[in-house]
C-alpha cells in the first residue's frame, strides 16, 4: 500500500506542475495592436526567448526578448509633449 501511494505521489506532482498556468493576467492599455480595444484582458507569457500575449488561447503578439529595451509596471502615464507644453 505504501508503495502504491509513493508511485501515485510521484505521478501526481509532475502532472500538477505541467497543468499549472504560468501566465500573468494583464490589461491592454493601448498601443500598436489595432485589433485590441483598451481594457482588454490578456495573458502574458514570458518564455526564454520571447514574450507572448494570448487572448482566449489565440496568440495576439509575439515579441523577441532581444527587442525589449524597457519594462515598466504600474499606473504611470507617458504622454508625448506637444509644442504648447514646452
PDB file of N, CA and C in Angstrom:
ATOM      1  N   UNK A   1       0.819  -1.191   0.000  1.00  0.00           N
ATOM      2  CA  UNK A   1       0.000   0.000   0.000  1.00  0.00           C
ATOM      3  C   UNK A   1       0.869   1.265   0.000  1.00  0.00           C
ATOM      4  N   UNK A   2       1.936   1.264   0.802  1.00  0.00           N
ATOM      5  CA  UNK A   2       2.826   2.419   0.853  1.00  0.00           C
ATOM      6  C   UNK A   2       3.500   2.649  -0.496  1.00  0.00           C
ATOM      7  N   UNK A   3       3.838   1.554  -1.184  1.00  0.00           N
ATOM      8  CA  UNK A   3       4.476   1.691  -2.494  1.00  0.00           C
ATOM      9  C   UNK A   3       3.512   2.316  -3.501  1.00  0.00           C
ATOM     10  N   UNK A   4       2.247   1.924  -3.432  1.00  0.00           N
ATOM     11  CA  UNK A   4       1.243   2.484  -4.330  1.00  0.00           C
ATOM     12  C   UNK A   4       1.084   3.983  -4.087  1.00  0.00           C
ATOM     13  N   UNK A   5       1.037   4.389  -2.835  1.00  0.00           N
ATOM     14  CA  UNK A   5       0.922   5.808  -2.510  1.00  0.00           C
ATOM     15  C   UNK A   5       2.154   6.583  -2.986  1.00  0.00           C
ATOM     16  N   UNK A   6       3.329   5.976  -2.842  1.00  0.00           N
ATOM     17  CA  UNK A   6       4.559   6.630  -3.292  1.00  0.00           C
ATOM     18  C   UNK A   6       4.548   6.822  -4.802  1.00  0.00           C
ATOM     19  N   UNK A   7       4.109   5.817  -5.534  1.00  0.00           N
ATOM     20  CA  UNK A   7       4.043   5.910  -7.001  1.00  0.00           C
ATOM     21  C   UNK A   7       3.023   6.960  -7.421  1.00  0.00           C
ATOM     22  N   UNK A   8       1.862   6.973  -6.786  1.00  0.00           N
ATOM     23  CA  UNK A   8       0.832   7.960  -7.127  1.00  0.00           C
ATOM     24  C   UNK A   8       1.318   9.380  -6.835  1.00  0.00           C
ATOM     25  N   UNK A   9       2.051   9.563  -5.757  1.00  0.00           N
ATOM     26  CA  UNK A   9       2.586  10.885  -5.423  1.00  0.00           C
ATOM     27  C   UNK A   9       3.598  11.333  -6.473  1.00  0.00           C
ATOM     28  N   UNK A  10       4.434  10.421  -6.912  1.00  0.00           N
ATOM     29  CA  UNK A  10       5.439  10.758  -7.921  1.00  0.00           C
ATOM     30  C   UNK A  10       4.805  11.146  -9.246  1.00  0.00           C
ATOM     31  N   UNK A  11       3.674  10.561  -9.571  1.00  0.00           N
ATOM     32  CA  UNK A  11       2.995  10.856 -10.824  1.00  0.00           C
ATOM     33  C   UNK A  11       2.140  12.111 -10.694  1.00  0.00           C
ATOM     34  N   UNK A  12       1.448  12.287  -9.580  1.00  0.00           N
ATOM     35  CA  UNK A  12       0.517  13.402  -9.445  1.00  0.00           C
ATOM     36  C   UNK A  12       1.231  14.741  -9.310  1.00  0.00           C
ATOM     37  N   UNK A  13       2.379  14.788  -8.659  1.00  0.00           N
ATOM     38  CA  UNK A  13       3.091  16.053  -8.506  1.00  0.00           C
ATOM     39  C   UNK A  13       3.574  16.583  -9.852  1.00  0.00           C
ATOM     40  N   UNK A  14       4.236  15.803 -10.695  1.00  0.00           N
ATOM     41  CA  UNK A  14       4.628  16.336 -12.012  1.00  0.00           C
ATOM     42  C   UNK A  14       3.425  16.740 -12.872  1.00  0.00           C
ATOM     43  N   UNK A  15       2.323  16.008 -12.795  1.00  0.00           N
ATOM     44  CA  UNK A  15       1.147  16.360 -13.577  1.00  0.00           C
ATOM     45  C   UNK A  15       0.573  17.702 -13.125  1.00  0.00           C
ATOM     46  N   UNK A  16       0.599  17.974 -11.831  1.00  0.00           N
ATOM     47  CA  UNK A  16       0.087  19.251 -11.356  1.00  0.00           C
ATOM     48  C   UNK A  16       0.993  20.399 -11.796  1.00  0.00           C
ATOM     49  N   UNK A  17       2.280  20.155 -11.898  1.00  0.00           N
ATOM     50  CA  UNK A  17       3.206  21.187 -12.365  1.00  0.00           C
ATOM     51  C   UNK A  17       2.972  21.470 -13.849  1.00  0.00           C
ATOM     52  N   UNK A  18       2.759  20.442 -14.628  1.00  0.00           N
ATOM     53  CA  UNK A  18       2.507  20.599 -16.067  1.00  0.00           C
ATOM     54  C   UNK A  18       1.189  21.324 -16.301  1.00  0.00           C
ATOM     55  N   UNK A  19       0.190  21.043 -15.502  1.00  0.00           N
ATOM     56  CA  UNK A  19      -1.133  21.630 -15.697  1.00  0.00           C
ATOM     57  C   UNK A  19      -1.215  23.079 -15.232  1.00  0.00           C
ATOM     58  N   UNK A  20      -0.253  23.548 -14.473  1.00  0.00           N
ATOM     59  CA  UNK A  20      -0.338  24.910 -13.962  1.00  0.00           C
ATOM     60  C   UNK A  20      -0.136  25.933 -15.083  1.00  0.00           C
ATOM     61  N   UNK A  21      -0.790  27.076 -14.937  1.00  0.00           N
ATOM     62  CA  UNK A  21      -0.704  28.150 -15.912  1.00  0.00           C
ATOM     63  C   UNK A  21       0.326  29.157 -15.426  1.00  0.00           C
ATOM     64  N   UNK A  22       1.417  29.306 -16.149  1.00  0.00           N
ATOM     65  CA  UNK A  22       2.487  30.201 -15.724  1.00  0.00           C
ATOM     66  C   UNK A  22       2.398  31.561 -16.413  1.00  0.00           C
ATOM     67  N   UNK A  23       1.174  32.030 -16.617  1.00  0.00           N
ATOM     68  CA  UNK A  23       0.984  33.319 -17.272  1.00  0.00           C
ATOM     69  C   UNK A  23       0.655  34.398 -16.251  1.00  0.00           C
ATOM     70  N   UNK A  24       0.710  35.632 -16.720  1.00  0.00           N
ATOM     71  CA  UNK A  24       0.334  36.791 -15.921  1.00  0.00           C
ATOM     72  C   UNK A  24      -0.887  37.419 -16.567  1.00  0.00           C
ATOM     73  N   UNK A  25      -1.863  37.803 -15.760  1.00  0.00           N
ATOM     74  CA  UNK A  25      -3.030  38.497 -16.291  1.00  0.00           C
ATOM     75  C   UNK A  25      -2.672  39.964 -16.438  1.00  0.00           C
ATOM     76  N   UNK A  26      -2.861  40.485 -17.653  1.00  0.00           N
ATOM     77  CA  UNK A  26      -2.553  41.877 -17.942  1.00  0.00           C
ATOM     78  C   UNK A  26      -3.744  42.513 -18.659  1.00  0.00           C
ATOM     79  N   UNK A  27      -3.784  43.826 -18.666  1.00  0.00           N
ATOM     80  CA  UNK A  27      -4.831  44.577 -19.355  1.00  0.00           C
ATOM     81  C   UNK A  27      -4.190  45.451 -20.414  1.00  0.00           C
ATOM     82  N   UNK A  28      -4.677  45.351 -21.632  1.00  0.00           N
ATOM     83  CA  UNK A  28      -4.155  46.159 -22.737  1.00  0.00           C
ATOM     84  C   UNK A  28      -4.576  47.607 -22.529  1.00  0.00           C
ATOM     85  N   UNK A  29      -3.603  48.502 -22.548  1.00  0.00           N
ATOM     86  CA  UNK A  29      -3.871  49.913 -22.266  1.00  0.00           C
ATOM     87  C   UNK A  29      -3.616  50.803 -23.476  1.00  0.00           C
ATOM     88  N   UNK A  30      -3.577  50.202 -24.645  1.00  0.00           N
ATOM     89  CA  UNK A  30      -3.371  50.967 -25.869  1.00  0.00           C
ATOM     90  C   UNK A  30      -1.983  50.744 -26.430  1.00  0.00           C
ATOM     91  N   UNK A  31      -1.849  50.994 -27.699  1.00  0.00           N
ATOM     92  CA  UNK A  31      -0.565  50.798 -28.348  1.00  0.00           C
ATOM     93  C   UNK A  31      -0.733  50.484 -29.813  1.00  0.00           C
ATOM     94  N   UNK A  32       0.109  49.596 -30.314  1.00  0.00           N
ATOM     95  CA  UNK A  32       0.163  49.348 -31.757  1.00  0.00           C
ATOM     96  C   UNK A  32      -0.520  48.051 -32.185  1.00  0.00           C
ATOM     97  N   UNK A  33      -1.418  47.526 -31.379  1.00  0.00           N
ATOM     98  CA  UNK A  33      -2.170  46.330 -31.769  1.00  0.00           C
ATOM     99  C   UNK A  33      -3.575  46.767 -32.165  1.00  0.00           C
ATOM    100  N   UNK A  34      -3.830  46.936 -33.460  1.00  0.00           N
ATOM    101  CA  UNK A  34      -5.083  47.546 -33.918  1.00  0.00           C
ATOM    102  C   UNK A  34      -6.342  46.736 -33.628  1.00  0.00           C
ATOM    103  N   UNK A  35      -6.233  45.437 -33.473  1.00  0.00           N
ATOM    104  CA  UNK A  35      -7.421  44.607 -33.271  1.00  0.00           C
ATOM    105  C   UNK A  35      -7.841  44.508 -31.811  1.00  0.00           C
ATOM    106  N   UNK A  36      -7.107  45.154 -30.905  1.00  0.00           N
ATOM    107  CA  UNK A  36      -7.436  45.091 -29.484  1.00  0.00           C
ATOM    108  C   UNK A  36      -7.995  46.416 -28.996  1.00  0.00           C
ATOM    109  N   UNK A  37      -9.008  46.312 -28.134  1.00  0.00           N
ATOM    110  CA  UNK A  37      -9.576  47.503 -27.519  1.00  0.00           C
ATOM    111  C   UNK A  37      -8.909  47.747 -26.175  1.00  0.00           C
ATOM    112  N   UNK A  38      -8.811  49.004 -25.793  1.00  0.00           N
ATOM    113  CA  UNK A  38      -8.267  49.367 -24.489  1.00  0.00           C
ATOM    114  C   UNK A  38      -9.115  48.703 -23.399  1.00  0.00           C
ATOM    115  N   UNK A  39      -8.449  48.127 -22.430  1.00  0.00           N
ATOM    116  CA  UNK A  39      -9.139  47.450 -21.332  1.00  0.00           C
ATOM    117  C   UNK A  39      -9.290  45.953 -21.528  1.00  0.00           C
ATOM    118  N   UNK A  40      -8.863  45.440 -22.669  1.00  0.00           N
ATOM    119  CA  UNK A  40      -8.973  44.011 -22.964  1.00  0.00           C
ATOM    120  C   UNK A  40      -8.027  43.216 -22.063  1.00  0.00           C
ATOM    121  N   UNK A  41      -8.528  42.193 -21.419  1.00  0.00           N
ATOM    122  CA  UNK A  41      -7.714  41.317 -20.582  1.00  0.00           C
ATOM    123  C   UNK A  41      -6.984  40.280 -21.422  1.00  0.00           C
ATOM    124  N   UNK A  42      -5.707  40.102 -21.168  1.00  0.00           N
ATOM    125  CA  UNK A  42      -4.874  39.139 -21.893  1.00  0.00           C
ATOM    126  C   UNK A  42      -4.046  38.341 -20.906  1.00  0.00           C
ATOM    127  N   UNK A  43      -3.417  37.304 -21.404  1.00  0.00           N
ATOM    128  CA  UNK A  43      -2.440  36.551 -20.622  1.00  0.00           C
ATOM    129  C   UNK A  43      -1.067  36.796 -21.241  1.00  0.00           C
ATOM    130  N   UNK A  44      -0.100  37.095 -20.379  1.00  0.00           N
ATOM    131  CA  UNK A  44       1.264  37.363 -20.795  1.00  0.00           C
ATOM    132  C   UNK A  44       2.130  36.180 -20.393  1.00  0.00           C
ATOM    133  N   UNK A  45       2.866  35.634 -21.344  1.00  0.00           N
ATOM    134  CA  UNK A  45       3.793  34.536 -21.090  1.00  0.00           C
ATOM    135  C   UNK A  45       5.208  35.026 -21.374  1.00  0.00           C
ATOM    136  N   UNK A  46       6.096  34.822 -20.432  1.00  0.00           N
ATOM    137  CA  UNK A  46       7.496  35.184 -20.628  1.00  0.00           C
ATOM    138  C   UNK A  46       8.275  33.899 -20.828  1.00  0.00           C
ATOM    139  N   UNK A  47       8.668  33.657 -22.066  1.00  0.00           N
ATOM    140  CA  UNK A  47       9.453  32.478 -22.412  1.00  0.00           C
ATOM    141  C   UNK A  47      10.927  32.852 -22.414  1.00  0.00           C
ATOM    142  N   UNK A  48      11.783  31.885 -22.636  1.00  0.00           N
ATOM    143  CA  UNK A  48      13.224  32.137 -22.617  1.00  0.00           C
ATOM    144  C   UNK A  48      13.647  33.117 -23.700  1.00  0.00           C
ATOM    145  N   UNK A  49      13.031  33.031 -24.876  1.00  0.00           N
ATOM    146  CA  UNK A  49      13.470  33.859 -25.999  1.00  0.00           C
ATOM    147  C   UNK A  49      12.407  34.798 -26.549  1.00  0.00           C
ATOM    148  N   UNK A  50      11.210  34.827 -25.935  1.00  0.00           N
ATOM    149  CA  UNK A  50      10.145  35.683 -26.452  1.00  0.00           C
ATOM    150  C   UNK A  50       9.110  35.981 -25.366  1.00  0.00           C
ATOM    151  N   UNK A  51       8.305  36.983 -25.640  1.00  0.00           N
ATOM    152  CA  UNK A  51       7.178  37.339 -24.788  1.00  0.00           C
ATOM    153  C   UNK A  51       5.931  37.204 -25.647  1.00  0.00           C
ATOM    154  N   UNK A  52       4.943  36.487 -25.133  1.00  0.00           N
ATOM    155  CA  UNK A  52       3.726  36.236 -25.906  1.00  0.00           C
ATOM    156  C   UNK A  52       2.509  36.793 -25.182  1.00  0.00           C
ATOM    157  N   UNK A  53       1.579  37.347 -25.956  1.00  0.00           N
ATOM    158  CA  UNK A  53       0.297  37.802 -25.440  1.00  0.00           C
ATOM    159  C   UNK A  53      -0.780  36.892 -26.030  1.00  0.00           C
ATOM    160  N   UNK A  54      -1.592  36.303 -25.157  1.00  0.00           N
ATOM    161  CA  UNK A  54      -2.592  35.328 -25.573  1.00  0.00           C
ATOM    162  C   UNK A  54      -3.981  35.818 -25.169  1.00  0.00           C
ATOM    163  N   UNK A  55      -4.937  35.708 -26.088  1.00  0.00           N
ATOM    164  CA  UNK A  55      -6.336  36.041 -25.821  1.00  0.00           C
ATOM    165  C   UNK A  55      -7.199  34.835 -26.167  1.00  0.00           C
ATOM    166  N   UNK A  56      -7.809  34.239 -25.169  1.00  0.00           N
ATOM    167  CA  UNK A  56      -8.669  33.056 -25.358  1.00  0.00           C
ATOM    168  C   UNK A  56      -7.980  31.959 -26.165  1.00  0.00           C
ATOM    169  N   UNK A  57      -6.733  31.678 -25.846  1.00  0.00           N
ATOM    170  CA  UNK A  57      -5.991  30.613 -26.498  1.00  0.00           C
ATOM    171  C   UNK A  57      -5.357  31.000 -27.826  1.00  0.00           C
ATOM    172  N   UNK A  58      -5.592  32.219 -28.300  1.00  0.00           N
ATOM    173  CA  UNK A  58      -5.043  32.673 -29.581  1.00  0.00           C
ATOM    174  C   UNK A  58      -3.905  33.660 -29.317  1.00  0.00           C
ATOM    175  N   UNK A  59      -2.770  33.426 -29.964  1.00  0.00           N
ATOM    176  CA  UNK A  59      -1.634  34.324 -29.802  1.00  0.00           C
ATOM    177  C   UNK A  59      -1.909  35.634 -30.536  1.00  0.00           C
ATOM    178  N   UNK A  60      -1.864  36.737 -29.785  1.00  0.00           N
ATOM    179  CA  UNK A  60      -2.123  38.063 -30.336  1.00  0.00           C
ATOM    180  C   UNK A  60      -0.828  38.731 -30.778  1.00  0.00           C
ATOM    181  N   UNK A  61       0.228  38.577 -29.974  1.00  0.00           N
ATOM    182  CA  UNK A  61       1.523  39.180 -30.293  1.00  0.00           C
ATOM    183  C   UNK A  61       2.635  38.306 -29.763  1.00  0.00           C
ATOM    184  N   UNK A  62       3.766  38.351 -30.465  1.00  0.00           N
ATOM    185  CA  UNK A  62       4.942  37.569 -30.113  1.00  0.00           C
ATOM    186  C   UNK A  62       6.143  38.503 -30.280  1.00  0.00           C
ATOM    187  N   UNK A  63       6.787  38.837 -29.161  1.00  0.00           N
ATOM    188  CA  UNK A  63       7.883  39.811 -29.193  1.00  0.00           C
ATOM    189  C   UNK A  63       9.189  39.110 -28.846  1.00  0.00           C
ATOM    190  N   UNK A  64      10.206  39.194 -29.709  1.00  0.00           N
ATOM    191  CA  UNK A  64      11.506  38.605 -29.350  1.00  0.00           C
ATOM    192  C   UNK A  64      12.069  39.286 -28.100  1.00  0.00           C
ATOM    193  N   UNK A  65      12.629  38.504 -27.201  1.00  0.00           N
ATOM    194  CA  UNK A  65      13.187  39.057 -25.959  1.00  0.00           C
ATOM    195  C   UNK A  65      14.281  40.072 -26.247  1.00  0.00           C
ATOM    196  N   UNK A  66      15.017  39.894 -27.332  1.00  0.00           N
ATOM    197  CA  UNK A  66      16.094  40.825 -27.672  1.00  0.00           C
ATOM    198  C   UNK A  66      15.566  42.197 -28.082  1.00  0.00           C
ATOM    199  N   UNK A  67      14.273  42.298 -28.429  1.00  0.00           N
ATOM    200  CA  UNK A  67      13.690  43.571 -28.840  1.00  0.00           C
ATOM    201  C   UNK A  67      13.206  44.404 -27.655  1.00  0.00           C
ATOM    202  N   UNK A  68      13.145  43.827 -26.471  1.00  0.00           N
ATOM    203  CA  UNK A  68      12.658  44.543 -25.284  1.00  0.00           C
ATOM    204  C   UNK A  68      13.779  45.411 -24.727  1.00  0.00           C
ATOM    205  N   UNK A  69      13.506  46.714 -24.641  1.00  0.00           N
ATOM    206  CA  UNK A  69      14.509  47.646 -24.122  1.00  0.00           C
ATOM    207  C   UNK A  69      14.101  48.253 -22.790  1.00  0.00           C
ATOM    208  N   UNK A  70      12.802  48.203 -22.452  1.00  0.00           N
ATOM    209  CA  UNK A  70      12.331  48.782 -21.206  1.00  0.00           C
ATOM    210  C   UNK A  70      11.044  48.093 -20.782  1.00  0.00           C
ATOM    211  N   UNK A  71      10.903  47.897 -19.487  1.00  0.00           N
ATOM    212  CA  UNK A  71       9.678  47.328 -18.932  1.00  0.00           C
ATOM    213  C   UNK A  71       9.270  48.212 -17.764  1.00  0.00           C
ATOM    214  N   UNK A  72       7.993  48.579 -17.720  1.00  0.00           N
ATOM    215  CA  UNK A  72       7.501  49.342 -16.577  1.00  0.00           C
ATOM    216  C   UNK A  72       6.259  48.657 -16.041  1.00  0.00           C
ATOM    217  N   UNK A  73       5.948  48.958 -14.804  1.00  0.00           N
ATOM    218  CA  UNK A  73       4.813  48.340 -14.147  1.00  0.00           C
ATOM    219  C   UNK A  73       4.090  49.410 -13.347  1.00  0.00           C
ATOM    220  N   UNK A  74       2.795  49.410 -13.383  1.00  0.00           N
ATOM    221  CA  UNK A  74       2.050  50.326 -12.540  1.00  0.00           C
ATOM    222  C   UNK A  74       1.075  51.172 -13.320  1.00  0.00           C
ATOM    223  N   UNK A  75       0.726  52.276 -12.723  1.00  0.00           N
ATOM    224  CA  UNK A  75      -0.289  53.157 -13.292  1.00  0.00           C
ATOM    225  C   UNK A  75       0.316  54.434 -13.873  1.00  0.00           C
ATOM    226  N   UNK A  76       1.620  54.445 -14.100  1.00  0.00           N
ATOM    227  CA  UNK A  76       2.245  55.650 -14.634  1.00  0.00           C
ATOM    228  C   UNK A  76       1.782  55.904 -16.064  1.00  0.00           C
ATOM    229  N   UNK A  77       1.686  57.168 -16.419  1.00  0.00           N
ATOM    230  CA  UNK A  77       1.196  57.561 -17.736  1.00  0.00           C
ATOM    231  C   UNK A  77       2.300  58.320 -18.456  1.00  0.00           C
ATOM    232  N   UNK A  78       2.545  57.942 -19.690  1.00  0.00           N
ATOM    233  CA  UNK A  78       3.543  58.618 -20.514  1.00  0.00           C
ATOM    234  C   UNK A  78       2.824  59.209 -21.718  1.00  0.00           C
ATOM    235  N   UNK A  79       2.897  60.521 -21.842  1.00  0.00           N
ATOM    236  CA  UNK A  79       2.279  61.189 -22.984  1.00  0.00           C
ATOM    237  C   UNK A  79       3.350  62.001 -23.703  1.00  0.00           C
ATOM    238  N   UNK A  80       3.298  62.047 -25.025  1.00  0.00           N
ATOM    239  CA  UNK A  80       4.286  62.865 -25.748  1.00  0.00           C
ATOM    240  C   UNK A  80       4.039  64.350 -25.491  1.00  0.00           C
ATOM    241  N   UNK A  81       5.101  65.112 -25.438  1.00  0.00           N
ATOM    242  CA  UNK A  81       4.987  66.553 -25.275  1.00  0.00           C
ATOM    243  C   UNK A  81       4.622  67.203 -26.597  1.00  0.00           C
ATOM    244  N   UNK A  82       3.775  68.193 -26.536  1.00  0.00           N
ATOM    245  CA  UNK A  82       3.441  68.965 -27.748  1.00  0.00           C
ATOM    246  C   UNK A  82       4.146  70.314 -27.631  1.00  0.00           C
ATOM    247  N   UNK A  83       4.154  71.074 -28.702  1.00  0.00           N
ATOM    248  CA  UNK A  83       4.814  72.374 -28.708  1.00  0.00           C
ATOM    249  C   UNK A  83       4.239  73.308 -27.644  1.00  0.00           C
ATOM    250  N   UNK A  84       2.959  73.216 -27.360  1.00  0.00           N
ATOM    251  CA  UNK A  84       2.335  74.097 -26.382  1.00  0.00           C
ATOM    252  C   UNK A  84       2.746  73.749 -24.941  1.00  0.00           C
ATOM    253  N   UNK A  85       3.339  72.600 -24.718  1.00  0.00           N
ATOM    254  CA  UNK A  85       3.742  72.192 -23.364  1.00  0.00           C
ATOM    255  C   UNK A  85       5.179  72.566 -23.052  1.00  0.00           C
ATOM    256  N   UNK A  86       5.920  73.137 -23.979  1.00  0.00           N
ATOM    257  CA  UNK A  86       7.323  73.477 -23.752  1.00  0.00           C
ATOM    258  C   UNK A  86       7.451  74.738 -22.971  1.00  0.00           C
TER     259      UNK A  86
END
